[in-house]
Protein backbone atom coordinates (compact mmCIF):
# COMPACT_ATOMS: atom_id res chain seq x y z
CA MET A 1 62.56 88.84 135.19
CA SER A 2 66.19 88.01 134.55
CA TYR A 3 64.97 85.59 131.78
CA MET A 4 62.99 88.24 129.99
CA VAL A 5 66.06 90.70 130.24
CA THR A 6 68.30 87.93 128.68
CA LYS A 7 65.69 87.36 125.91
CA LEU A 8 65.52 90.99 125.15
CA GLN A 9 69.26 91.42 125.04
CA LYS A 10 69.64 88.56 122.58
CA PHE A 11 66.84 89.93 120.51
CA GLY A 12 68.64 93.38 120.53
CA GLN A 13 71.95 91.63 119.52
CA LYS A 14 70.17 89.86 116.68
CA GLN A 15 68.63 93.06 115.43
CA THR A 16 71.96 94.80 115.48
CA TYR A 17 73.67 91.92 113.62
CA ILE A 18 70.86 91.98 111.02
CA HIS A 19 71.17 95.80 110.62
CA PHE A 20 74.87 95.48 110.13
CA LEU A 21 74.49 92.89 107.31
CA GLN A 22 71.82 95.02 105.59
CA THR A 23 74.00 98.13 105.76
CA LEU A 24 77.07 96.30 104.60
CA LYS A 25 75.14 94.63 101.71
CA TYR A 26 73.88 98.18 100.76
CA SER A 27 77.53 99.00 99.80
CA LEU A 28 76.97 96.93 96.67
CA HIS A 29 74.11 99.16 95.73
CA VAL A 30 76.16 102.25 96.41
CA VAL A 31 78.95 101.35 94.18
CA PHE A 32 76.73 100.56 91.17
CA HIS A 33 74.15 103.39 91.75
CA PRO A 34 76.16 106.05 93.45
CA ALA A 35 73.67 108.90 92.81
CA ASP A 36 70.73 107.60 94.73
CA GLY A 37 72.90 105.20 96.82
CA PHE A 38 74.88 107.95 98.57
CA TRP A 39 71.68 110.00 99.07
CA ASP A 40 69.93 107.15 100.77
CA LEU A 41 73.06 106.13 102.58
CA THR A 42 72.94 109.28 104.79
CA HIS A 43 69.64 110.92 104.32
CA GLU A 44 67.51 107.75 104.50
CA LYS A 45 69.94 106.11 107.06
CA ARG A 46 70.70 103.12 104.84
CA GLY A 47 74.36 103.05 105.98
CA SER A 48 75.99 102.41 109.45
CA TYR A 49 79.27 103.20 110.99
CA ALA A 50 79.93 99.56 111.73
CA ALA A 51 79.71 98.70 108.08
CA ALA A 52 81.87 101.64 107.27
CA ASN A 53 84.51 100.51 109.69
CA PHE A 54 84.20 96.95 108.40
CA ILE A 55 84.84 98.11 104.85
CA LEU A 56 87.83 100.18 105.79
CA LEU A 57 89.29 97.27 107.74
CA PHE A 58 88.89 94.94 104.73
CA THR A 59 90.50 97.61 102.56
CA VAL A 60 93.41 97.77 104.76
CA LEU A 61 93.74 93.90 104.88
CA THR A 62 93.33 93.63 101.11
CA HIS A 63 96.23 96.19 100.73
CA VAL A 64 98.47 94.02 102.84
CA TRP A 65 97.25 90.79 101.13
CA LYS A 66 98.16 92.43 97.79
CA LEU A 67 101.64 93.30 98.80
CA GLN A 68 102.06 89.88 100.14
CA TRP A 69 100.55 87.56 97.65
CA THR A 70 100.49 89.48 94.29
CA SER A 71 102.66 87.60 91.75
CA PHE A 72 106.28 89.08 91.61
CA LEU A 73 105.69 89.81 87.83
CA PHE A 74 103.47 92.64 88.76
CA LEU A 75 104.41 93.64 92.34
CA ASP A 76 107.87 92.83 93.58
CA VAL A 77 107.93 93.65 97.33
CA ASN A 78 111.05 93.46 99.42
CA TRP A 79 109.69 92.52 102.80
CA ASN A 80 113.12 93.13 104.55
CA LYS A 81 112.50 96.81 103.86
CA MET A 82 108.81 96.85 104.00
CA ASN A 83 107.06 98.23 107.17
CA VAL A 84 103.45 96.98 107.47
CA LEU A 85 102.47 99.81 109.73
CA ILE A 86 103.55 102.46 107.18
CA GLN A 87 101.45 100.65 104.62
CA ILE A 88 98.39 100.57 106.81
CA ALA A 89 99.05 104.36 107.61
CA SER A 90 99.20 105.11 103.87
CA ILE A 91 95.57 104.31 103.73
CA LEU A 92 94.25 105.41 107.12
CA LEU A 93 96.08 108.75 107.29
CA PRO A 94 95.06 110.28 103.97
CA LEU A 95 91.41 109.12 104.50
CA PHE A 96 91.22 110.87 107.80
CA ILE A 97 92.94 113.97 106.67
CA PHE A 98 90.58 114.11 103.72
CA CYS A 99 87.60 113.77 105.98
CA VAL A 100 88.66 116.53 108.26
CA CYS A 101 89.80 118.83 105.41
CA ASN A 102 86.59 118.29 103.34
CA TRP A 103 84.45 118.85 106.49
CA GLY A 104 86.40 122.01 107.45
CA VAL A 105 86.16 123.50 103.72
CA THR A 106 82.58 122.60 102.99
CA THR A 107 81.38 123.76 106.50
CA LEU A 108 82.40 127.34 105.49
CA PHE A 109 80.26 127.14 102.26
CA ASP A 110 76.95 125.57 103.51
CA GLY A 111 77.98 122.02 103.11
CA LYS A 112 75.31 119.73 104.50
CA GLY A 113 77.48 116.84 105.43
CA LYS A 114 78.73 116.17 109.05
CA LEU A 115 82.18 114.90 109.78
CA GLY A 116 80.89 111.36 110.53
CA GLU A 117 78.88 111.22 107.41
CA ILE A 118 81.90 112.25 105.27
CA TYR A 119 83.75 109.46 106.99
CA MET A 120 80.97 106.96 106.16
CA CYS A 121 80.62 107.98 102.53
CA THR A 122 84.38 107.80 102.00
CA CYS A 123 84.63 104.33 103.55
CA TYR A 124 81.55 103.03 101.51
CA ALA A 125 83.27 104.43 98.37
CA LEU A 126 86.31 102.13 99.02
CA THR A 127 84.20 99.01 98.45
CA PRO A 128 85.63 98.58 94.74
CA TYR A 129 89.12 98.23 96.16
CA VAL A 130 88.01 94.92 98.02
CA LEU A 131 85.83 93.86 95.17
CA LEU A 132 88.53 94.21 92.40
CA GLN A 133 91.92 93.81 94.20
CA ILE A 134 91.17 90.33 95.78
CA PRO A 135 90.33 88.72 92.31
CA MET A 136 93.31 90.54 90.92
CA ILE A 137 95.60 88.96 93.51
CA ILE A 138 94.39 85.69 92.24
CA LEU A 139 94.51 86.63 88.58
CA SER A 140 98.22 87.79 88.85
CA HIS A 141 99.25 84.14 89.38
CA GLY A 142 97.25 83.03 86.19
CA VAL A 143 98.55 85.44 83.68
CA THR A 144 101.93 86.02 81.89
CA GLY A 145 103.88 89.15 81.71
CA GLN A 146 102.60 89.81 78.23
CA GLU A 147 99.03 89.49 79.40
CA GLY A 148 99.74 91.99 82.21
CA THR A 149 97.63 94.63 80.34
CA PHE A 150 94.48 93.16 82.11
CA TYR A 151 96.07 93.61 85.41
CA VAL A 152 97.20 97.19 84.82
CA PHE A 153 93.65 97.96 83.35
CA PHE A 154 91.72 96.59 86.41
CA ASN A 155 94.23 98.12 88.81
CA SER A 156 93.72 101.53 87.19
CA LEU A 157 89.90 100.98 87.06
CA THR A 158 89.82 100.37 90.89
CA PHE A 159 91.23 103.84 91.67
CA ILE A 160 89.19 105.56 88.98
CA TRP A 161 86.02 104.00 90.29
CA ILE A 162 86.91 104.87 93.87
CA GLY A 163 87.56 108.51 92.75
CA ILE A 164 84.13 108.79 90.95
CA LEU A 165 82.43 107.23 94.03
CA ILE A 166 83.98 109.75 96.55
CA PHE A 167 83.09 112.63 94.02
CA MET A 168 79.49 111.47 93.80
CA GLY A 169 79.24 110.73 97.60
CA MET A 170 80.39 114.35 98.40
CA MET A 171 78.07 115.78 95.84
CA MET A 172 74.97 113.94 97.26
CA LEU A 173 76.00 114.54 100.81
CA HIS A 174 76.75 118.23 100.71
CA GLN A 175 73.87 118.71 98.12
CA TYR A 176 76.12 120.68 95.79
CA THR A 177 76.12 120.97 91.95
CA PHE A 178 78.64 119.02 89.75
CA SER A 179 80.73 122.06 89.33
CA LYS A 180 80.59 123.16 92.85
CA THR A 181 81.60 119.69 94.02
CA PHE A 182 84.57 119.78 91.57
CA LEU A 183 85.56 123.04 92.93
CA PHE A 184 85.55 121.96 96.56
CA MET A 185 87.26 118.71 95.88
CA ILE A 186 90.09 120.64 94.70
CA ALA A 187 89.94 122.97 97.61
CA SER A 188 89.93 119.91 99.86
CA ALA A 189 93.07 118.59 98.21
CA PHE A 190 94.76 121.88 98.68
CA ALA A 191 93.62 121.98 102.36
CA MET A 192 95.05 118.39 102.72
CA LEU A 193 98.43 119.66 101.41
CA VAL A 194 98.43 122.60 103.84
CA PHE A 195 97.26 120.20 106.77
CA ILE A 196 100.10 117.79 105.93
CA PHE A 197 102.59 120.69 105.68
CA ILE A 198 101.65 122.01 109.11
CA LEU A 199 101.66 118.49 110.63
CA MET A 200 105.13 117.92 109.41
CA LEU A 201 106.23 121.28 110.56
CA PHE A 202 104.71 120.54 114.08
CA PHE A 203 106.35 117.18 114.42
CA SER A 204 109.71 118.65 113.14
CA MET A 205 109.60 121.32 115.82
CA ILE A 206 108.72 118.70 118.44
CA SER A 207 111.59 116.47 117.46
CA GLN A 208 113.99 119.30 117.36
CA GLY A 209 112.78 120.38 120.88
CA ILE A 210 113.20 116.84 122.21
CA ALA A 211 116.59 116.64 120.61
CA TYR A 212 117.67 119.94 122.25
CA PHE A 213 116.60 118.85 125.70
CA VAL A 214 118.27 115.44 125.33
CA SER A 215 121.57 116.99 124.22
CA LEU A 216 121.11 119.45 127.15
CA GLY A 217 120.51 116.64 129.65
CA ARG A 218 123.63 114.94 128.32
CA GLU A 219 125.80 118.02 128.64
CA ILE A 220 124.62 118.52 132.20
CA LEU A 221 125.41 114.96 133.11
CA PHE A 222 128.70 115.21 131.46
CA ARG A 223 129.72 118.31 133.48
CA LEU A 224 128.38 116.74 136.66
CA ASN A 225 130.66 113.74 136.12
């Protein structure tokens, strides 16, 4: 009996691994065929959260590798002043804020996407960052400063491509028209600014409150002594 259970567990693990590879490979279809790619990603269950997390992880790693290994001709990084955690947060924090704000805005206006699906589509849309930035890290050591136009072009192409994919992903997911998607992407950007302002205000109040009680405690200790 235990032998059968072990065999079933191994079979289930194998199927899970195969499904992960298939959904990860599907990201290549999404970036080159975004219209039907993003539709099938969520509506036909061609994507997975495991693959989305993997793409996000490699995006973060690629960003760190870019800072570390890109030629100084194109990216001069002072590692004595560089905080890796802040660089990681510069990707993760905007992504999660965008997902929450987009979900909040579109939910009020008949958006079809769930929060998890918005996260999945956004992570899949980051695939070009890995596909282009890793070759660019290598390319940066093989071109001169005068040939840096190619580096700048592909660097710009990366972010334009990601922006188009996020736009198409939200349009397919929420089943909006082009104009309605454009409107709600602007609304999401505005909501992100409001969210960040409230977040900064909240942490500012918390820090001031902590500073007040710390100073109060010091004053009490000073008087007791």
